[in-house]
C-alpha cells in the first residue's frame, strides 16, 4: 500500500563523537586566499576570493589545460617536435625561461615540462603557436575555455601571464580551474606537475613550488610572481581519508616573498586536513530511498546519486541527511531523472544539497492504472 511522500531524516553521523569545534583559520598576510576540498567540491574558507587579482604565472595552469585538451583530442602529440620561433625566444629579459634557442626543435613533452616545472615564458609561447598557429588564436581559445568552465571573472591576454590589464582572475576562479585541471587530465597532471626539477639545454632549474620538498602529500601545482602580483601559489595535496583519499587545493595570492607563499599555503593545508573531515555520504548508483510512483507500471523506484556524494565538515560535527522526494512522482520516469533532493545539515544548519535521481526507469501504466491513480491523487488532494 502506498504511503504519502514526506521529508524524513534518513541518518545522522557523528565524527569523533562531539559537536563541531573547528579550529580558527590561520592568520595570513596574502591579499586573497582560498582553501578548497576538491573531493567534496566545498570551499572550506576564503578571504577576498572574488576580488580581481593578477594571476602572473598561474596563467600557465590554463595554458597547460588547453594543451592537455589538444593532446586528448589528438590535435598534436607529446612527441611532436615544435620549431621555436623568434617570438618565443624573445620573451622579456629577466622573466622566467626554459632557455629555448630560436630555430631549435623541441618536443611538446619537453615544452610542457619547461612550462610547468621551470615556468618558462618561452615555452608558453612555443606551445601556443604549436596548438593554434599563433599566440592570438591560442589566447582566444584560453578565454573560450575559461567561459566554458564557468570562470566568468577570468580573462587572459597571453599564455604566460606577464603583467597586462587584460589578464586577471580571482582566487575562486583559480581554485575551480585547478580542480578541473586535476580531475579532467590526471595522467598529465601527474607527469608535469610533481617533478622537483627539469634539465633542458644543459641548464637544470628547480620547481619553484617549495612544498614539493616540504610535504610529501603535495603533488602540484603552480607558482607565480611579478612585482605587481606579488608571490602567488596554487598548491594541491592528497592524503588518506579512511578507505579513500582526500584532496585539498589552496590558492594564495599576493604575499611578500617566496617563503611566505609557501608557509601560508602549507598552513592552510594543515588546517584543512587536521580541522575538517570529508565524509562519503553515498556512492554513485547506491539506492538511498524507494519513493512511491503514481500512474506507473511499478509502485516505486530505486533512487540514488548520479555520482559519489561527499560533504566536508569540521572535525566532530553532527551530520544529518534529509531526503525529500518530489511529490507526486508521476510516470513515465526516465533513468537519471531527478526525483528529489538530499539536504545535508551540519550541527543543525543547512550545508549542502544533492539531487537524487531515478536509478531505474518506470514506464507509464495502462489506462486502468492511470485512471485509478488519478482518482486517488484527486482524493488525496481534496481529503481533509
Protein backbone atom coordinates (compact mmCIF):
# COMPACT_ATOMS: atom_id res chain seq x y z
CA UNK A 1 0.00 0.00 0.00
CA UNK A 2 1.34 3.39 -0.99
CA UNK A 3 2.40 5.81 1.72
CA UNK A 4 2.21 9.57 1.42
CA UNK A 5 5.55 11.12 0.48
CA UNK A 6 7.21 13.02 3.30
CA UNK A 7 10.53 14.51 4.29
CA UNK A 8 12.38 12.37 6.75
CA UNK A 9 15.76 12.34 8.44
CA UNK A 10 17.50 9.38 6.86
CA UNK A 11 20.60 9.17 9.01
CA UNK A 12 22.90 11.04 11.32
CA UNK A 13 26.66 10.61 11.59
CA UNK A 14 28.83 11.91 14.39
CA UNK A 15 32.52 12.33 13.66
CA UNK A 16 34.70 11.92 16.77
CA UNK A 17 31.56 11.79 18.86
CA UNK A 18 31.32 15.51 19.55
CA UNK A 19 29.79 18.68 18.19
CA UNK A 20 31.92 20.69 15.81
CA UNK A 21 34.68 22.75 17.38
CA UNK A 22 36.59 23.82 14.29
CA UNK A 23 39.97 25.45 14.74
CA UNK A 24 40.10 29.09 13.68
CA UNK A 25 41.56 29.76 10.24
CA UNK A 26 45.23 30.73 10.25
CA UNK A 27 46.04 34.44 10.10
CA UNK A 28 47.56 35.07 6.68
CA UNK A 29 49.16 38.07 5.01
CA UNK A 30 48.05 37.15 1.48
CA UNK A 31 45.86 39.64 -0.37
CA UNK A 32 43.50 36.82 -1.27
CA UNK A 33 43.35 33.13 -0.43
CA UNK A 34 41.04 30.13 -0.63
CA UNK A 35 41.00 26.55 0.64
CA UNK A 36 39.00 24.06 -1.43
CA UNK A 37 38.22 20.45 -0.64
CA UNK A 38 38.38 19.05 -4.17
CA UNK A 39 36.88 15.74 -3.07
CA UNK A 40 33.60 17.28 -1.93
CA UNK A 41 33.78 20.45 -4.02
CA UNK A 42 33.31 22.61 -0.92
CA UNK A 43 35.17 25.81 -0.17
CA UNK A 44 36.30 25.41 3.44
CA UNK A 45 37.35 29.04 3.92
CA UNK A 46 38.45 32.04 1.89
CA UNK A 47 39.46 35.69 2.02
CA UNK A 48 38.77 38.16 -0.81
CA UNK A 49 38.16 35.16 -3.06
CA UNK A 50 36.02 37.14 -5.52
CA UNK A 51 38.37 40.13 -5.71
CA UNK A 52 40.08 40.62 -9.08
CA UNK A 53 43.78 39.75 -8.87
CA UNK A 54 46.73 39.47 -11.23
CA UNK A 55 47.48 35.75 -11.68
CA UNK A 56 51.03 36.12 -13.03
CA UNK A 57 52.38 32.66 -13.97
CA UNK A 58 49.31 30.95 -12.52
CA UNK A 59 48.03 31.77 -16.01
CA UNK A 60 50.08 28.79 -17.17
CA UNK A 61 47.60 26.43 -15.50
CA UNK A 62 45.12 27.43 -18.21
CA UNK A 63 47.84 27.28 -20.86
CA UNK A 64 48.62 23.70 -19.87
CA UNK A 65 44.90 22.84 -19.64
CA UNK A 66 44.36 23.93 -23.25
CA UNK A 67 47.44 21.97 -24.39
CA UNK A 68 46.20 18.90 -22.48
CA UNK A 69 42.84 19.27 -24.21
CA UNK A 70 44.59 19.43 -27.59
CA UNK A 71 46.62 16.32 -26.73
CA UNK A 72 43.50 14.41 -25.68
CA UNK A 73 41.82 15.37 -28.97
CA UNK A 74 44.94 14.29 -30.88
CA UNK A 75 45.42 17.76 -32.35
CA UNK A 76 49.10 17.18 -31.59
CA UNK A 77 51.21 14.58 -29.79
CA UNK A 78 53.61 14.72 -26.86
CA UNK A 79 56.46 13.55 -29.10
CA UNK A 80 55.75 16.12 -31.81
CA UNK A 81 58.67 18.47 -32.43
CA UNK A 82 57.99 22.19 -32.33
CA UNK A 83 60.25 24.70 -34.07
CA UNK A 84 61.00 27.54 -31.67
CA UNK A 85 60.05 30.90 -33.16
CA UNK A 86 61.85 34.20 -32.70
CA UNK A 87 58.80 35.41 -30.78
CA UNK A 88 59.17 32.58 -28.27
CA UNK A 89 62.88 33.25 -27.91
CA UNK A 90 62.37 36.99 -27.38
CA UNK A 91 60.36 36.81 -24.16
CA UNK A 92 61.30 39.71 -21.84
CA UNK A 93 64.73 39.58 -20.28
CA UNK A 94 64.65 38.77 -16.60
CA UNK A 95 61.43 36.76 -16.83
CA UNK A 96 61.40 33.00 -16.22
CA UNK A 97 62.61 30.98 -19.19
CA UNK A 98 63.29 27.47 -20.39
CA UNK A 99 66.16 28.97 -22.43
CA UNK A 100 64.94 27.87 -25.84
CA UNK A 101 67.07 28.66 -28.89
CA UNK A 102 65.40 30.14 -31.99
CA UNK A 103 65.04 27.59 -34.77
CA UNK A 104 65.62 24.63 -32.46
CA UNK A 105 63.18 21.74 -32.40
CA UNK A 106 61.72 20.78 -29.02
CA UNK A 107 59.14 18.12 -28.18
CA UNK A 108 55.75 19.08 -26.79
CA UNK A 109 56.61 16.87 -23.82
CA UNK A 110 59.73 18.90 -23.01
CA UNK A 111 57.89 22.17 -23.56
CA UNK A 112 55.24 21.15 -21.04
CA UNK A 113 57.95 20.32 -18.52
CA UNK A 114 59.55 23.67 -19.20
CA UNK A 115 56.18 25.36 -18.79
CA UNK A 116 55.07 23.77 -15.51
CA UNK A 117 58.38 22.98 -13.78
CA UNK A 118 60.58 25.86 -14.96
CA UNK A 119 57.69 28.29 -15.57
CA UNK A 120 59.18 29.12 -18.96
CA UNK A 121 57.52 32.05 -20.69
CA UNK A 122 59.28 30.98 -23.88
CA UNK A 123 57.74 27.51 -23.52
CA UNK A 124 54.30 29.12 -23.17
CA UNK A 125 54.72 30.98 -26.47
CA UNK A 126 56.07 27.91 -28.27
CA UNK A 127 53.18 25.74 -27.07
CA UNK A 128 50.61 28.38 -28.01
CA UNK A 129 51.97 28.56 -31.55
CA UNK A 130 52.12 24.75 -31.81
CA UNK A 131 48.49 24.29 -30.77
CA UNK A 132 46.77 27.21 -32.50
CA UNK A 133 49.21 28.54 -35.08
CA UNK A 134 49.52 31.89 -33.34
CA UNK A 135 49.60 33.28 -29.83
CA UNK A 136 46.49 35.36 -30.54
CA UNK A 137 44.44 32.35 -31.63
CA UNK A 138 45.63 30.37 -28.61
CA UNK A 139 44.70 33.17 -26.20
CA UNK A 140 41.22 33.26 -27.75
CA UNK A 141 40.97 29.53 -27.05
CA UNK A 142 42.10 30.12 -23.46
CA UNK A 143 39.29 32.63 -22.97
CA UNK A 144 36.74 30.38 -24.67
CA UNK A 145 37.81 27.59 -22.33
CA UNK A 146 37.54 29.86 -19.30
CA UNK A 147 33.97 30.75 -20.29
CA UNK A 148 33.07 27.09 -20.86
CA UNK A 149 34.44 26.16 -17.43
CA UNK A 150 32.38 28.91 -15.78
CA UNK A 151 35.36 31.12 -14.90
CA UNK A 152 33.40 34.30 -15.51
CA UNK A 153 35.76 36.60 -13.59
CA UNK A 154 38.80 35.48 -15.56
CA UNK A 155 40.37 36.79 -18.76
CA UNK A 156 43.74 36.21 -20.41
CA UNK A 157 45.85 38.38 -22.71
CA UNK A 158 48.79 35.98 -23.04
CA UNK A 159 49.74 32.35 -22.42
CA UNK A 160 52.42 33.29 -19.85
CA UNK A 161 50.75 35.83 -17.53
CA UNK A 162 53.23 38.69 -17.64
CA UNK A 163 51.59 41.95 -16.48
CA UNK A 164 48.77 43.11 -18.76
CA UNK A 165 45.44 44.83 -17.95
CA UNK A 166 43.71 42.10 -19.95
CA UNK A 167 44.97 39.31 -17.71
CA UNK A 168 43.05 38.90 -14.48
CA UNK A 169 41.28 36.31 -12.36
CA UNK A 170 40.11 35.61 -8.80
CA UNK A 171 41.13 33.11 -6.14
CA UNK A 172 37.73 31.47 -6.59
CA UNK A 173 38.17 31.01 -10.34
CA UNK A 174 41.74 29.77 -9.93
CA UNK A 175 40.63 27.11 -7.45
CA UNK A 176 37.91 25.95 -9.84
CA UNK A 177 40.41 25.82 -12.70
CA UNK A 178 42.87 23.83 -10.59
CA UNK A 179 40.17 21.32 -9.65
CA UNK A 180 39.20 20.81 -13.30
CA UNK A 181 42.87 20.62 -14.29
CA UNK A 182 43.46 17.73 -11.88
CA UNK A 183 40.13 15.98 -12.46
CA UNK A 184 39.99 16.23 -16.26
CA UNK A 185 43.61 15.34 -17.03
CA UNK A 186 45.03 13.30 -14.12
CA UNK A 187 47.55 11.49 -16.32
CA UNK A 188 49.09 14.77 -17.48
CA UNK A 189 48.89 16.33 -14.03
CA UNK A 190 50.95 13.52 -12.53
CA UNK A 191 53.53 13.75 -15.30
CA UNK A 192 54.12 17.50 -15.44
CA UNK A 193 53.36 18.96 -12.02
CA UNK A 194 55.15 16.87 -9.40
CA UNK A 195 58.77 16.87 -10.62
CA UNK A 196 61.20 18.82 -8.43
CA UNK A 197 63.47 19.86 -11.27
CA UNK A 198 63.97 19.70 -15.03
CA UNK A 199 67.09 19.96 -17.16
CA UNK A 200 66.99 21.43 -20.65
CA UNK A 201 69.81 22.81 -22.78
CA UNK A 202 72.22 21.67 -20.03
CA UNK A 203 70.52 24.03 -17.58
CA UNK A 204 68.85 22.47 -14.52
CA UNK A 205 66.15 24.54 -12.85
CA UNK A 206 64.21 23.58 -9.71
CA UNK A 207 60.45 23.62 -9.45
CA UNK A 208 59.53 26.86 -7.68
CA UNK A 209 56.86 25.03 -5.67
CA UNK A 210 58.89 24.54 -2.47
CA UNK A 211 56.07 22.49 -0.92
CA UNK A 212 57.16 19.54 -3.06
CA UNK A 213 60.22 19.29 -0.78
CA UNK A 214 58.43 20.07 2.49
CA UNK A 215 55.29 17.93 2.28
CA UNK A 216 55.24 14.50 0.56
CA UNK A 217 51.46 14.73 0.14
CA UNK A 218 51.81 17.78 -2.13
CA UNK A 219 51.86 16.86 -5.84
CA UNK A 220 51.44 20.24 -7.59
CA UNK A 221 50.52 22.72 -8.92
CA UNK A 222 51.98 26.12 -9.93
CA UNK A 223 53.61 29.25 -8.59
CA UNK A 224 53.60 32.78 -9.94
CA UNK A 225 55.36 36.06 -9.29
CA UNK A 226 55.61 39.56 -10.71
CA UNK A 227 56.36 42.85 -9.00
CA UNK A 228 52.71 43.88 -9.21
CA UNK A 229 51.15 40.48 -8.40
CA UNK A 230 53.42 39.57 -5.52
CA UNK A 231 54.20 35.92 -4.80
CA UNK A 232 51.37 33.51 -5.61
CA UNK A 233 50.78 29.77 -5.49
CA UNK A 234 48.13 27.20 -6.28
CA UNK A 235 49.04 24.03 -4.38
CA UNK A 236 47.37 20.66 -4.07
CA UNK A 237 47.85 17.78 -1.66
CA UNK A 238 46.28 14.34 -1.36
CA UNK A 239 46.15 12.31 1.85
CA UNK A 240 44.38 9.13 3.02
CA UNK A 241 40.76 9.55 4.12
CA UNK A 242 39.59 6.25 5.55
CA UNK A 243 39.45 3.78 2.66
CA UNK A 244 39.58 6.61 0.15
CA UNK A 245 41.78 9.64 -0.45
CA UNK A 246 41.07 13.30 0.06
CA UNK A 247 42.47 16.20 -1.95
CA UNK A 248 42.75 19.83 -0.85
CA UNK A 249 43.65 22.78 -3.08
CA UNK A 250 44.96 26.11 -1.81
CA UNK A 251 45.16 29.41 -3.65
CA UNK A 252 47.41 32.04 -2.05
CA UNK A 253 47.84 35.34 -3.89
CA UNK A 254 49.88 38.47 -3.24
CA UNK A 255 52.33 37.59 -0.48
CA UNK A 256 55.58 39.49 0.02
CA UNK A 257 58.01 36.61 -0.55
CA UNK A 258 58.52 33.08 -1.82
CA UNK A 259 58.92 31.96 1.79
CA UNK A 260 55.59 33.48 2.82
CA UNK A 261 53.56 31.99 -0.04
CA UNK A 262 55.00 28.57 0.80
CA UNK A 263 54.40 28.97 4.52
CA UNK A 264 50.85 30.27 4.19
CA UNK A 265 49.83 27.62 1.68
CA UNK A 266 51.23 24.95 3.99
CA UNK A 267 49.36 26.41 6.97
CA UNK A 268 46.10 26.26 5.03
CA UNK A 269 46.70 22.65 4.00
CA UNK A 270 47.46 21.54 7.57
CA UNK A 271 44.46 23.43 8.93
CA UNK A 272 42.21 21.83 6.33
CA UNK A 273 43.43 18.28 6.86
CA UNK A 274 43.51 18.45 10.67
CA UNK A 275 40.46 20.57 11.35
CA UNK A 276 37.98 19.08 8.89
CA UNK A 277 36.76 15.68 7.78
CA UNK A 278 35.35 14.67 4.42
CA UNK A 279 32.54 12.15 4.73
CA UNK A 280 31.34 9.97 1.89
CA UNK A 281 27.58 10.11 2.21
CA UNK A 282 26.68 7.75 -0.62
CA UNK A 283 28.32 6.04 -3.57
CA UNK A 284 27.30 6.58 -7.15
CA UNK A 285 24.43 4.25 -8.02
CA UNK A 286 23.71 3.36 -4.38
CA UNK A 287 19.97 3.25 -3.61
CA UNK A 288 19.12 5.65 -0.79
CA UNK A 289 15.32 5.59 -1.00
CA UNK A 290 12.37 3.93 -2.74
CA UNK A 291 9.87 6.74 -3.36
CA UNK A 292 6.35 5.93 -4.46
CA UNK A 293 5.39 6.37 -8.09
CA UNK A 294 1.94 7.25 -9.41
CA UNK A 295 0.46 6.13 -12.74
CA UNK A 296 3.38 3.77 -13.35
CA UNK A 297 3.83 0.08 -14.06
CA UNK A 298 5.68 -0.06 -10.72
CA UNK A 299 4.52 1.50 -7.46
CA UNK A 300 8.02 2.66 -6.51
CA UNK A 301 11.54 3.03 -7.84
CA UNK A 302 15.09 2.94 -6.55
CA UNK A 303 16.54 6.43 -6.11
CA UNK A 304 20.15 7.41 -5.52
CA UNK A 305 23.00 9.58 -6.77
CA UNK A 306 24.47 10.11 -10.23
CA UNK A 307 27.93 10.49 -8.66
CA UNK A 308 29.62 9.92 -5.31
CA UNK A 309 28.31 12.35 -2.70
CA UNK A 310 30.71 13.86 -0.15
CA UNK A 311 30.45 16.55 2.49
CA UNK A 312 33.29 18.33 4.32
CA UNK A 313 32.61 19.26 7.94
CA UNK A 314 34.54 20.45 10.99
CA UNK A 315 36.00 17.55 12.94
CA UNK A 316 33.39 16.42 15.44
CA UNK A 317 30.37 17.72 13.53
CA UNK A 318 26.97 16.05 13.62
CA UNK A 319 25.76 15.38 10.09
CA UNK A 320 22.10 14.80 9.23
CA UNK A 321 20.77 13.78 5.83
CA UNK A 322 17.21 14.79 4.98
CA UNK A 323 15.58 13.14 1.97
CA UNK A 324 12.71 14.97 0.27
CA UNK A 325 11.08 13.23 -2.72
CA UNK A 326 9.16 15.03 -5.43
CA UNK A 327 5.50 14.77 -4.60
CA UNK A 328 3.71 13.47 -6.53
CA UNK A 329 6.15 11.47 -8.61
CA UNK A 330 4.26 10.59 -11.79
CA UNK A 331 5.30 8.10 -14.50
CA UNK A 332 6.78 7.89 -17.05
CA UNK A 333 10.13 8.48 -15.35
CA UNK A 334 13.44 8.11 -17.17
CA UNK A 335 16.56 6.70 -15.53
CA UNK A 336 18.72 9.53 -14.10
CA UNK A 337 15.74 11.89 -13.93
CA UNK A 338 15.70 14.00 -10.75
CA UNK A 339 13.16 12.60 -8.30
CA UNK A 340 14.02 14.53 -5.13
CA UNK A 341 16.83 16.04 -3.13
CA UNK A 342 19.02 15.17 -0.18
CA UNK A 343 19.72 18.10 2.13
CA UNK A 344 22.68 17.92 4.48
CA UNK A 345 22.61 19.64 7.86
CA UNK A 346 25.80 20.15 9.85
CA UNK A 347 25.10 20.70 13.54
CA UNK A 348 21.53 21.54 12.58
CA UNK A 349 22.44 24.14 9.95
CA UNK A 350 21.95 23.72 6.17
CA UNK A 351 25.26 22.88 4.48
CA UNK A 352 24.68 21.26 1.09
CA UNK A 353 22.03 19.68 -1.05
CA UNK A 354 22.30 16.99 -3.71
CA UNK A 355 19.86 15.99 -6.45
CA UNK A 356 18.57 12.44 -6.07
CA UNK A 357 17.92 10.63 -9.35
CA UNK A 358 15.99 7.60 -10.53
CA UNK A 359 18.31 4.61 -10.77
CA UNK A 360 15.83 2.82 -12.99
CA UNK A 361 13.09 3.86 -15.44
CA UNK A 362 9.39 3.47 -14.70
CA UNK A 363 7.05 3.14 -17.66
CA UNK A 364 3.58 4.58 -17.70
CA UNK A 365 0.81 2.23 -16.53
CA UNK A 366 -2.09 1.17 -18.70
CA UNK A 367 -5.33 3.12 -18.91
CA UNK A 368 -6.93 1.48 -15.90
CA UNK A 369 -3.89 2.00 -13.67
CA UNK A 370 -3.56 5.65 -14.69
CA UNK A 371 -7.26 6.27 -14.13
CA UNK A 372 -7.21 4.66 -10.69
CA UNK A 373 -4.18 6.66 -9.58
CA UNK A 374 -5.75 9.86 -10.96
CA UNK A 375 -8.76 9.29 -8.72
CA UNK A 376 -6.54 8.55 -5.73
CA UNK A 377 -4.41 11.64 -6.34
CA UNK A 378 -7.55 13.77 -6.62
CA UNK A 379 -8.90 12.30 -3.38
CA UNK A 380 -5.59 12.85 -1.62
CA UNK A 381 -5.55 16.48 -2.69
CA UNK A 382 -9.08 17.15 -1.52
CA UNK A 383 -9.38 14.96 1.55
CA UNK A 384 -9.02 16.72 4.87
